[in-house]
Protein backbone atom coordinates (compact mmCIF):
# COMPACT_ATOMS: atom_id res chain seq x y z
CA MET A 1 5.75 35.76 79.87
CA SER A 2 8.97 35.18 81.79
CA ARG A 3 8.82 34.31 85.48
CA LEU A 4 9.08 37.38 87.69
CA PRO A 5 11.83 37.57 90.32
CA ARG A 6 10.76 37.00 93.93
CA ILE A 7 10.41 40.45 95.50
CA THR A 8 11.02 41.03 99.19
CA LEU A 9 10.39 44.19 101.19
CA GLY A 10 14.10 44.19 102.02
CA ALA A 11 14.98 44.33 98.34
CA LEU A 12 12.44 47.08 97.85
CA ALA A 13 14.01 49.04 100.69
CA LEU A 14 17.42 48.87 99.03
CA LEU A 15 15.99 49.98 95.70
CA LEU A 16 14.04 52.75 97.39
CA ALA A 17 17.19 54.01 99.10
CA SER A 18 18.89 54.31 95.71
CA ILE A 19 16.22 56.69 94.39
CA THR A 20 17.08 60.31 95.10
CA PRO A 21 14.04 62.14 96.50
CA SER A 22 12.96 65.38 94.86
CA ARG A 23 11.17 68.43 96.18
CA ALA A 24 7.95 67.11 94.62
CA GLN A 25 7.96 64.25 97.15
CA ARG A 26 7.63 66.46 100.24
CA PRO A 27 5.24 64.38 102.36
CA ILE A 28 1.69 65.32 103.21
CA GLU A 29 0.83 64.61 106.83
CA CYS A 30 -2.77 63.59 107.45
CA ALA A 31 -4.48 61.31 109.93
CA ALA A 32 -4.53 58.34 107.55
CA CYS A 33 -1.47 59.09 105.41
CA ALA A 34 1.02 56.87 107.24
CA GLU A 35 -1.39 53.93 107.16
CA TRP A 36 -2.19 54.49 103.50
CA ASN A 37 1.49 54.70 102.57
CA VAL A 38 2.70 51.44 104.14
CA PRO A 39 4.97 49.80 101.54
CA GLN A 40 3.48 46.90 99.60
CA ARG A 41 5.34 44.40 97.44
CA PRO A 42 4.29 44.62 93.77
CA ILE A 43 1.92 41.93 92.56
CA ARG A 44 1.22 40.60 89.10
CA LEU A 45 -2.56 40.36 89.04
CA HIS A 46 -3.03 38.83 85.59
CA GLY A 47 -1.25 39.05 82.27
CA ASN A 48 0.30 42.49 81.91
CA THR A 49 -1.54 44.09 84.85
CA TYR A 50 0.32 44.74 88.11
CA TRP A 51 -0.37 46.33 91.47
CA VAL A 52 2.53 48.73 92.09
CA GLY A 53 0.87 50.94 94.69
CA THR A 54 1.21 51.02 98.45
CA HIS A 55 -0.78 48.86 100.85
CA GLY A 56 -3.50 51.49 101.12
CA LEU A 57 -3.39 53.40 97.83
CA GLY A 58 -3.78 52.08 94.32
CA ALA A 59 -1.31 52.43 91.48
CA ILE A 60 -1.80 50.11 88.52
CA LEU A 61 0.82 49.28 85.90
CA ILE A 62 -0.31 47.94 82.52
CA ALA A 63 2.83 46.88 80.68
CA SER A 64 3.72 46.26 77.05
CA PRO A 65 6.91 46.06 74.97
CA GLN A 66 5.91 49.35 73.30
CA GLY A 67 5.47 51.21 76.59
CA HIS A 68 3.49 51.16 79.81
CA VAL A 69 0.44 52.84 81.32
CA LEU A 70 0.35 53.86 84.98
CA ILE A 71 -2.91 54.72 86.75
CA ASP A 72 -2.72 56.95 89.85
CA GLY A 73 0.22 58.21 91.85
CA GLY A 74 -0.83 58.07 95.49
CA LEU A 75 0.50 60.70 97.88
CA PRO A 76 3.61 62.76 97.08
CA GLN A 77 5.56 60.40 99.35
CA SER A 78 4.12 57.39 97.49
CA ALA A 79 5.96 58.23 94.26
CA ALA A 80 9.26 56.72 95.36
CA LEU A 81 7.51 53.54 96.53
CA ILE A 82 5.63 53.21 93.24
CA ARG A 83 8.82 53.71 91.26
CA ALA A 84 10.69 51.18 93.40
CA ASN A 85 7.91 48.64 92.91
CA LEU A 86 7.87 49.15 89.16
CA GLU A 87 11.63 48.86 88.84
CA SER A 88 11.83 45.82 91.13
CA LEU A 89 9.67 44.01 88.57
CA GLY A 90 12.32 44.67 85.93
CA PHE A 91 10.55 47.59 84.24
CA HIS A 92 11.97 51.08 83.69
CA MET A 93 10.37 54.41 84.48
CA ARG A 94 11.46 55.73 81.09
CA ASP A 95 9.14 53.17 79.47
CA VAL A 96 6.05 54.57 81.21
CA LYS A 97 4.44 56.51 78.36
CA LEU A 98 1.07 57.47 79.84
CA ILE A 99 -0.02 58.36 83.39
CA LEU A 100 -3.74 58.47 84.18
CA ASN A 101 -5.79 59.41 87.24
CA SER A 102 -8.98 58.36 88.98
CA HIS A 103 -9.70 61.65 90.75
CA ALA A 104 -7.60 64.68 91.48
CA HIS A 105 -7.25 64.50 95.27
CA TYR A 106 -3.92 64.54 97.08
CA ASP A 107 -4.02 60.81 97.90
CA HIS A 108 -4.31 59.70 94.27
CA ALA A 109 -2.74 62.54 92.26
CA GLY A 110 -0.17 63.72 94.81
CA GLY A 111 2.68 61.64 93.39
CA ILE A 112 1.96 62.22 89.71
CA ALA A 113 4.22 65.27 89.28
CA GLU A 114 7.22 63.28 90.50
CA LEU A 115 6.31 60.21 88.46
CA GLN A 116 5.97 62.38 85.36
CA ARG A 117 9.35 63.97 86.09
CA ALA A 118 10.97 60.55 86.50
CA SER A 119 9.44 59.06 83.35
CA GLY A 120 8.76 61.89 80.92
CA ALA A 121 5.31 60.35 80.38
CA ARG A 122 2.21 62.13 79.12
CA VAL A 123 -0.31 62.80 81.86
CA MET A 124 -3.97 62.80 80.85
CA ALA A 125 -7.09 63.45 82.91
CA SER A 126 -10.70 64.53 82.57
CA ALA A 127 -11.12 68.24 81.90
CA TRP A 128 -12.12 69.08 85.49
CA SER A 129 -9.38 66.94 87.00
CA ALA A 130 -6.75 68.41 84.67
CA GLY A 131 -7.60 71.90 85.91
CA VAL A 132 -7.05 70.80 89.50
CA MET A 133 -3.85 68.90 88.78
CA LYS A 134 -2.31 71.87 86.99
CA THR A 135 -2.56 73.88 90.22
CA GLY A 136 -2.36 71.12 92.83
CA ARG A 137 -5.27 72.76 94.63
CA SER A 138 -8.90 71.74 94.98
CA GLN A 139 -11.30 73.90 93.00
CA PRO A 140 -14.91 75.05 93.50
CA GLY A 141 -17.23 72.14 92.89
CA ASP A 142 -15.13 69.70 94.90
CA PRO A 143 -17.23 68.49 97.85
CA GLN A 144 -14.00 68.37 99.86
CA LEU A 145 -12.94 71.93 99.05
CA GLY A 146 -11.37 73.37 102.18
CA ILE A 147 -10.33 70.04 103.70
CA ALA A 148 -8.39 68.47 100.81
CA PHE A 149 -4.64 69.03 101.00
CA ASP A 150 -2.67 70.81 98.28
CA TYR A 151 -0.12 68.72 96.39
CA PRO A 152 2.63 69.25 93.77
CA ALA A 153 1.19 70.73 90.58
CA VAL A 154 1.55 68.72 87.38
CA SER A 155 3.04 71.01 84.76
CA ASN A 156 1.68 69.38 81.61
CA VAL A 157 -1.70 67.64 81.68
CA GLY A 158 -3.64 66.67 78.58
CA THR A 159 -7.36 65.98 78.50
CA PHE A 160 -9.57 63.33 76.94
CA THR A 161 -13.26 62.97 76.30
CA PHE A 162 -15.30 60.04 77.51
CA GLU A 163 -15.71 58.90 73.92
CA ASP A 164 -11.96 58.30 73.63
CA THR A 165 -9.97 55.09 73.85
CA LEU A 166 -6.40 55.78 74.95
CA ARG A 167 -3.64 53.62 73.50
CA VAL A 168 -0.02 52.77 74.18
CA GLY A 169 1.18 50.08 71.79
CA PRO A 170 -1.26 47.17 72.15
CA ILE A 171 -2.81 48.57 75.35
CA ALA A 172 -6.28 50.03 74.89
CA ILE A 173 -7.80 51.66 77.97
CA VAL A 174 -11.21 53.30 78.14
CA PRO A 175 -12.26 56.15 80.49
CA HIS A 176 -15.73 56.18 82.03
CA ALA A 177 -17.36 59.18 83.71
CA THR A 178 -18.08 58.23 87.32
CA ALA A 179 -18.20 61.63 88.96
CA GLY A 180 -19.75 62.62 92.27
CA HIS A 181 -16.88 62.11 94.68
CA THR A 182 -15.35 64.87 92.56
CA PRO A 183 -16.75 66.48 89.39
CA GLY A 184 -14.00 64.85 87.31
CA GLY A 185 -14.03 61.33 88.69
CA THR A 186 -13.00 58.69 86.15
CA SER A 187 -13.05 54.91 86.14
CA TRP A 188 -10.94 52.88 83.72
CA SER A 189 -11.46 49.58 81.91
CA TRP A 190 -9.10 47.40 79.87
CA ARG A 191 -8.50 43.77 78.92
CA SER A 192 -5.47 41.83 80.12
CA CYS A 193 -4.53 38.43 78.72
CA ASP A 194 -2.32 35.63 79.98
CA GLY A 195 -2.03 33.29 77.05
CA ALA A 196 -5.56 32.50 75.90
CA ARG A 197 -7.17 33.60 79.18
CA CYS A 198 -8.32 37.21 78.99
CA LEU A 199 -9.91 39.18 81.84
CA ASP A 200 -11.73 42.50 81.78
CA PHE A 201 -10.37 44.83 84.47
CA VAL A 202 -12.19 47.82 85.94
CA TYR A 203 -10.40 50.37 88.11
CA ALA A 204 -13.49 51.99 89.60
CA ASP A 205 -13.12 55.46 91.06
CA SER A 206 -14.12 56.26 94.63
CA GLN A 207 -17.90 56.59 94.98
CA THR A 208 -18.14 57.77 98.59
CA PRO A 209 -20.21 60.92 99.36
CA VAL A 210 -17.52 62.50 101.54
CA SER A 211 -17.44 66.27 101.94
CA ALA A 212 -16.42 69.26 104.00
CA ASP A 213 -18.87 70.08 106.79
CA ASP A 214 -20.32 73.04 104.90
CA PHE A 215 -21.13 71.08 101.72
CA LEU A 216 -24.51 69.43 101.19
CA PHE A 217 -24.98 67.09 98.24
CA THR A 218 -28.72 67.75 98.24
CA ARG A 219 -28.43 71.54 97.97
CA ASN A 220 -25.36 73.49 96.97
CA THR A 221 -24.41 76.05 94.35
CA THR A 222 -20.94 74.80 93.38
CA TYR A 223 -21.79 71.24 92.31
CA PRO A 224 -25.56 71.00 91.87
CA ASN A 225 -25.27 67.92 89.62
CA ALA A 226 -23.42 65.82 92.20
CA ILE A 227 -26.26 63.42 92.96
CA ALA A 228 -27.16 62.98 89.29
CA ASP A 229 -23.48 62.36 88.49
CA PHE A 230 -23.22 59.73 91.21
CA ARG A 231 -26.30 57.93 89.91
CA ARG A 232 -25.08 57.95 86.31
CA GLY A 233 -21.78 56.55 87.51
CA TYR A 234 -23.48 53.68 89.34
CA GLU A 235 -25.35 52.78 86.16
CA THR A 236 -22.10 52.89 84.19
CA LEU A 237 -20.33 50.56 86.62
CA GLU A 238 -23.25 48.15 86.54
CA ARG A 239 -23.06 47.95 82.73
CA LEU A 240 -19.33 47.35 82.40
CA SER A 241 -17.87 43.95 81.65
CA CYS A 242 -16.08 43.43 84.94
CA ASP A 243 -14.08 40.30 85.71
CA VAL A 244 -11.72 41.99 88.17
CA LEU A 245 -12.58 45.07 90.24
CA LEU A 246 -9.81 47.33 91.53
CA THR A 247 -10.24 50.61 93.41
CA PRO A 248 -8.05 53.59 94.41
CA HIS A 249 -8.34 52.48 98.04
CA PRO A 250 -7.94 48.68 97.92
CA SER A 251 -10.03 48.31 101.07
CA ALA A 252 -13.07 49.55 99.12
CA SER A 253 -12.96 46.41 96.97
CA ALA A 254 -11.51 44.01 99.59
CA LEU A 255 -8.42 43.44 97.44
CA TRP A 256 -6.34 41.96 100.26
CA ASP A 257 -9.03 39.35 100.88
CA ARG A 258 -8.62 38.25 97.26
CA VAL A 259 -4.85 38.60 96.91
CA SER A 260 -2.29 37.82 99.60
CA PRO A 261 -0.39 41.05 100.34
CA SER A 262 2.52 39.11 101.85
CA ASP A 263 3.38 36.79 98.98
CA GLY A 264 1.12 37.87 96.11
CA THR A 265 -0.86 34.65 95.98
CA ILE A 266 -3.92 35.15 93.78
CA THR A 267 -7.08 33.46 95.06
CA PRO A 268 -10.02 32.44 92.85
CA ALA A 269 -11.97 35.29 94.46
CA LEU A 270 -9.95 37.85 92.47
CA VAL A 271 -12.23 37.13 89.52
CA ASP A 272 -15.77 38.13 90.47
CA ARG A 273 -18.07 39.21 87.67
CA GLY A 274 -20.58 40.65 90.12
CA ALA A 275 -18.10 42.85 91.97
CA CYS A 276 -18.69 46.06 90.01
CA ALA A 277 -22.46 45.80 90.43
CA ARG A 278 -22.10 45.23 94.19
CA TYR A 279 -19.66 48.13 94.44
CA ALA A 280 -22.25 50.38 92.77
CA ALA A 281 -25.03 49.06 95.02
CA THR A 282 -22.98 49.75 98.16
CA ALA A 283 -22.25 53.27 96.92
CA ARG A 284 -25.91 53.89 96.07
CA ASN A 285 -26.90 52.88 99.60
CA ALA A 286 -24.27 55.19 101.11
CA LEU A 287 -25.55 58.11 99.02
CA ASP A 288 -29.14 57.40 100.08
CA GLN A 289 -28.06 57.45 103.72
CA ARG A 290 -26.16 60.70 103.23
CA MET A 291 -29.16 62.33 101.56
CA ALA A 292 -31.42 61.23 104.43
CA GLN A 293 -29.00 62.74 106.94
CA GLU A 294 -28.96 66.03 105.04
CA ARG A 295 -32.74 66.44 104.95
CA GLY A 296 -32.90 67.66 108.52
CA ARG A 297 -29.90 69.96 108.28
CA PRO A 298 -30.16 73.68 107.60
CA SER A 299 -28.45 75.02 104.50
CA PRO A 300 -24.93 76.28 105.23
């Protein structure tokens, strides 16, 4: 693979200024949004896998000569940053053929409508997530219904089953049901090679039991399978071949302790075959704590 050009934030700013914003990029203002959306230089992680998201929100590019796959779109205001990162690496939006999603909240699906518009790519999601993305509004069953922000609707969303393998040219990417945070939560796995060295990547969906105040995971009528879904997801993550763990919020997998955000230096800690299992164990402990807290609360 050819050597990538050195990318500076100044160069990214110039490229970003050249991209005309659209109505779909109207920013969402939330307590954490500005921190999440701090620009981040793109980073080649290994082989054809790149971080093209912001400093606080994941967007993963898997590239090939026959077309690219993009996972997640951040906030609406993240779309221009993601596009600038992708293009600063020498790629073109028109070559993005498939856009995927972890879960259909505003901070991970908010920029997808604009990224689809800019690329013409297919967007595919789990059946539940597709229903949300088509409206841009959280639906019954979402533990965060009532507190999750609306975002630009995605006009054309296809669906897959969890028996499918999705392909773009030589790229083969597999969806895994890891629901609980939302009913449609999806993790993704693929293999990325640099010469003879191949690594198995897992982009593991958020596993935090976060909810609106009136939602109880232990007893509710809109998502009664939430706890069972969480537990199945933990077991799935523990079974996956996982050389490199990535997450929609990079802080959840300590990405910036393993990769230098300033110059993209990759440390040996990026490859950690126990990371997915530890991620699942941490999530399982958080769910247990949440369930214990709910036991003494009256039903809403």
